[in-house]
Amino acid sequence: MRVKDLERVLYHEPFQPFRLVLSDGEEVTVSVPRKAHVSGDYVALSGLSRQRDGTSRQGLRIIRVDEVASVENVAL
């Protein structure tokens, strides 16, 4: 994923919730735009993430943009 592509999704007006699917299979849902910020080659996310084993964790995540395999729209 490129930084510009991620910024386009994050800053789209009106905001539409989306899910980042990481290269390791982890999924992170971004439901509120102020809980995500792209800076340089990283995206900072605050919220809930789902691990491949089905468990969830909450907190701040710093992810390299090149670890994002895809972005999916989600309906909340």
N, C-alpha and C. Protein backbone atom coordinates (compact mmCIF):
# COMPACT_ATOMS: atom_id res chain seq x y z
N MET A 1 0.85 -1.18 0.00
CA MET A 1 0.00 0.00 0.00
C MET A 1 0.89 1.23 0.00
N ARG A 2 0.44 2.24 -0.69
CA ARG A 2 1.18 3.51 -0.73
C ARG A 2 0.55 4.49 0.26
N VAL A 3 1.38 5.39 0.78
CA VAL A 3 0.92 6.40 1.74
C VAL A 3 -0.22 7.21 1.14
N LYS A 4 -0.09 7.64 -0.10
CA LYS A 4 -1.14 8.45 -0.74
C LYS A 4 -2.47 7.72 -0.80
N ASP A 5 -2.44 6.41 -1.06
CA ASP A 5 -3.68 5.63 -1.13
C ASP A 5 -4.35 5.55 0.24
N LEU A 6 -3.54 5.35 1.27
CA LEU A 6 -4.09 5.28 2.63
C LEU A 6 -4.65 6.64 3.06
N GLU A 7 -3.95 7.72 2.74
CA GLU A 7 -4.45 9.05 3.07
C GLU A 7 -5.77 9.34 2.35
N ARG A 8 -5.89 8.90 1.12
CA ARG A 8 -7.12 9.12 0.36
C ARG A 8 -8.32 8.46 1.07
N VAL A 9 -8.12 7.26 1.59
CA VAL A 9 -9.20 6.56 2.29
C VAL A 9 -9.49 7.24 3.63
N LEU A 10 -8.45 7.56 4.37
CA LEU A 10 -8.62 8.13 5.71
C LEU A 10 -9.26 9.51 5.69
N TYR A 11 -8.86 10.33 4.75
CA TYR A 11 -9.34 11.72 4.74
C TYR A 11 -10.49 11.96 3.76
N HIS A 12 -11.08 10.88 3.25
CA HIS A 12 -12.22 11.01 2.33
C HIS A 12 -13.40 11.68 3.04
N GLU A 13 -14.07 12.59 2.34
CA GLU A 13 -15.26 13.25 2.90
C GLU A 13 -16.48 12.86 2.08
N PRO A 14 -17.55 12.42 2.65
CA PRO A 14 -17.68 12.12 4.08
C PRO A 14 -16.90 10.85 4.43
N PHE A 15 -16.47 10.79 5.68
CA PHE A 15 -15.69 9.64 6.14
C PHE A 15 -16.51 8.36 6.04
N GLN A 16 -15.86 7.29 5.59
CA GLN A 16 -16.48 5.97 5.53
C GLN A 16 -15.60 5.01 6.31
N PRO A 17 -16.16 4.31 7.30
CA PRO A 17 -15.37 3.37 8.09
C PRO A 17 -14.68 2.35 7.17
N PHE A 18 -13.49 1.91 7.58
CA PHE A 18 -12.75 0.95 6.78
C PHE A 18 -11.93 0.03 7.68
N ARG A 19 -11.47 -1.04 7.09
CA ARG A 19 -10.66 -2.03 7.80
C ARG A 19 -9.32 -2.16 7.08
N LEU A 20 -8.25 -2.10 7.84
CA LEU A 20 -6.93 -2.38 7.29
C LEU A 20 -6.64 -3.85 7.51
N VAL A 21 -6.26 -4.54 6.46
CA VAL A 21 -5.83 -5.93 6.58
C VAL A 21 -4.31 -5.92 6.42
N LEU A 22 -3.63 -6.35 7.47
CA LEU A 22 -2.17 -6.32 7.48
C LEU A 22 -1.59 -7.58 6.85
N SER A 23 -0.35 -7.52 6.47
CA SER A 23 0.30 -8.63 5.79
C SER A 23 0.36 -9.90 6.64
N ASP A 24 0.27 -9.77 7.97
CA ASP A 24 0.27 -10.95 8.84
C ASP A 24 -1.14 -11.49 9.11
N GLY A 25 -2.17 -10.87 8.47
CA GLY A 25 -3.54 -11.33 8.63
C GLY A 25 -4.33 -10.58 9.67
N GLU A 26 -3.69 -9.77 10.47
CA GLU A 26 -4.41 -8.98 11.48
C GLU A 26 -5.31 -7.97 10.78
N GLU A 27 -6.45 -7.69 11.37
CA GLU A 27 -7.40 -6.71 10.83
C GLU A 27 -7.63 -5.62 11.86
N VAL A 28 -7.57 -4.37 11.39
CA VAL A 28 -7.78 -3.23 12.27
C VAL A 28 -8.88 -2.37 11.65
N THR A 29 -9.98 -2.17 12.39
CA THR A 29 -11.10 -1.38 11.90
C THR A 29 -10.95 0.06 12.36
N VAL A 30 -11.11 0.97 11.42
CA VAL A 30 -11.07 2.41 11.71
C VAL A 30 -12.48 2.93 11.52
N SER A 31 -13.17 3.21 12.64
CA SER A 31 -14.57 3.63 12.56
C SER A 31 -14.74 5.13 12.80
N VAL A 32 -13.70 5.78 13.31
CA VAL A 32 -13.74 7.21 13.59
C VAL A 32 -12.45 7.83 13.05
N PRO A 33 -12.55 8.82 12.17
CA PRO A 33 -11.34 9.34 11.53
C PRO A 33 -10.32 9.94 12.48
N ARG A 34 -10.73 10.50 13.58
CA ARG A 34 -9.77 11.13 14.49
C ARG A 34 -8.94 10.10 15.26
N LYS A 35 -9.24 8.80 15.09
CA LYS A 35 -8.47 7.76 15.75
C LYS A 35 -7.37 7.18 14.87
N ALA A 36 -7.12 7.84 13.73
CA ALA A 36 -6.05 7.39 12.84
C ALA A 36 -5.32 8.60 12.28
N HIS A 37 -4.01 8.43 12.10
CA HIS A 37 -3.21 9.53 11.55
C HIS A 37 -2.05 8.93 10.76
N VAL A 38 -1.86 9.43 9.55
CA VAL A 38 -0.75 8.99 8.70
C VAL A 38 0.36 10.02 8.81
N SER A 39 1.57 9.54 9.08
CA SER A 39 2.73 10.43 9.16
C SER A 39 3.93 9.70 8.59
N GLY A 40 4.49 10.25 7.53
CA GLY A 40 5.62 9.59 6.89
C GLY A 40 5.21 8.22 6.37
N ASP A 41 5.95 7.20 6.73
CA ASP A 41 5.67 5.83 6.30
C ASP A 41 4.88 5.03 7.32
N TYR A 42 4.26 5.73 8.29
CA TYR A 42 3.56 5.04 9.37
C TYR A 42 2.13 5.53 9.50
N VAL A 43 1.28 4.67 10.04
CA VAL A 43 -0.07 5.06 10.41
C VAL A 43 -0.23 4.73 11.89
N ALA A 44 -0.73 5.69 12.65
CA ALA A 44 -1.00 5.49 14.07
C ALA A 44 -2.50 5.29 14.23
N LEU A 45 -2.89 4.21 14.92
CA LEU A 45 -4.29 3.87 15.09
C LEU A 45 -4.60 3.65 16.56
N SER A 46 -5.71 4.18 16.99
CA SER A 46 -6.17 3.97 18.35
C SER A 46 -7.51 3.24 18.27
N GLY A 47 -7.58 2.08 18.88
CA GLY A 47 -8.85 1.36 18.85
C GLY A 47 -8.66 -0.13 18.99
N LEU A 48 -9.60 -0.88 18.42
CA LEU A 48 -9.68 -2.32 18.57
C LEU A 48 -9.11 -3.01 17.34
N SER A 49 -8.30 -4.04 17.53
CA SER A 49 -7.80 -4.83 16.41
C SER A 49 -8.08 -6.30 16.67
N ARG A 50 -8.29 -7.04 15.60
CA ARG A 50 -8.57 -8.47 15.70
C ARG A 50 -7.37 -9.25 15.17
N GLN A 51 -6.89 -10.17 15.99
CA GLN A 51 -5.74 -10.99 15.62
C GLN A 51 -6.20 -12.17 14.76
N ARG A 52 -5.26 -12.83 14.09
CA ARG A 52 -5.60 -13.99 13.26
C ARG A 52 -6.19 -15.11 14.09
N ASP A 53 -5.80 -15.23 15.35
CA ASP A 53 -6.32 -16.32 16.20
C ASP A 53 -7.71 -16.02 16.76
N GLY A 54 -8.31 -14.88 16.37
CA GLY A 54 -9.66 -14.53 16.81
C GLY A 54 -9.72 -13.66 18.04
N THR A 55 -8.59 -13.47 18.71
CA THR A 55 -8.58 -12.60 19.89
C THR A 55 -8.55 -11.14 19.44
N SER A 56 -8.92 -10.25 20.35
CA SER A 56 -8.91 -8.82 20.06
C SER A 56 -8.02 -8.12 21.08
N ARG A 57 -7.52 -6.95 20.67
CA ARG A 57 -6.77 -6.14 21.62
C ARG A 57 -7.07 -4.68 21.34
N GLN A 58 -7.02 -3.89 22.39
CA GLN A 58 -7.32 -2.46 22.30
C GLN A 58 -6.08 -1.68 22.68
N GLY A 59 -5.89 -0.55 22.00
CA GLY A 59 -4.76 0.31 22.34
C GLY A 59 -4.24 1.05 21.13
N LEU A 60 -3.11 1.69 21.30
CA LEU A 60 -2.47 2.45 20.23
C LEU A 60 -1.56 1.53 19.44
N ARG A 61 -1.68 1.59 18.13
CA ARG A 61 -0.84 0.80 17.23
C ARG A 61 -0.12 1.73 16.28
N ILE A 62 1.15 1.49 16.07
CA ILE A 62 1.94 2.19 15.07
C ILE A 62 2.30 1.12 14.03
N ILE A 63 1.86 1.34 12.80
CA ILE A 63 2.02 0.33 11.75
C ILE A 63 2.74 0.98 10.56
N ARG A 64 3.71 0.27 10.02
CA ARG A 64 4.34 0.73 8.77
C ARG A 64 3.32 0.59 7.64
N VAL A 65 3.21 1.60 6.82
CA VAL A 65 2.24 1.59 5.73
C VAL A 65 2.49 0.41 4.80
N ASP A 66 3.74 0.02 4.60
CA ASP A 66 4.01 -1.11 3.71
C ASP A 66 3.59 -2.46 4.28
N GLU A 67 3.14 -2.50 5.56
CA GLU A 67 2.60 -3.72 6.15
C GLU A 67 1.10 -3.87 5.88
N VAL A 68 0.47 -2.83 5.30
CA VAL A 68 -0.95 -2.88 4.99
C VAL A 68 -1.13 -3.60 3.66
N ALA A 69 -1.79 -4.76 3.70
CA ALA A 69 -1.99 -5.56 2.49
C ALA A 69 -3.19 -5.04 1.69
N SER A 70 -4.25 -4.62 2.40
CA SER A 70 -5.44 -4.12 1.70
C SER A 70 -6.28 -3.29 2.63
N VAL A 71 -7.21 -2.55 2.02
CA VAL A 71 -8.17 -1.74 2.76
C VAL A 71 -9.55 -2.17 2.30
N GLU A 72 -10.46 -2.42 3.26
CA GLU A 72 -11.81 -2.86 2.95
C GLU A 72 -12.80 -1.88 3.57
N ASN A 73 -13.86 -1.55 2.85
CA ASN A 73 -14.94 -0.76 3.43
C ASN A 73 -15.71 -1.63 4.40
N VAL A 74 -16.22 -1.02 5.47
CA VAL A 74 -17.04 -1.75 6.43
C VAL A 74 -18.32 -0.97 6.67
N ALA A 75 -19.37 -1.70 6.89
CA ALA A 75 -20.66 -1.09 7.24
C ALA A 75 -20.86 -1.26 8.73
N LEU A 76 -21.00 -0.16 9.43
CA LEU A 76 -21.20 -0.23 10.90
C LEU A 76 -22.64 0.06 11.23
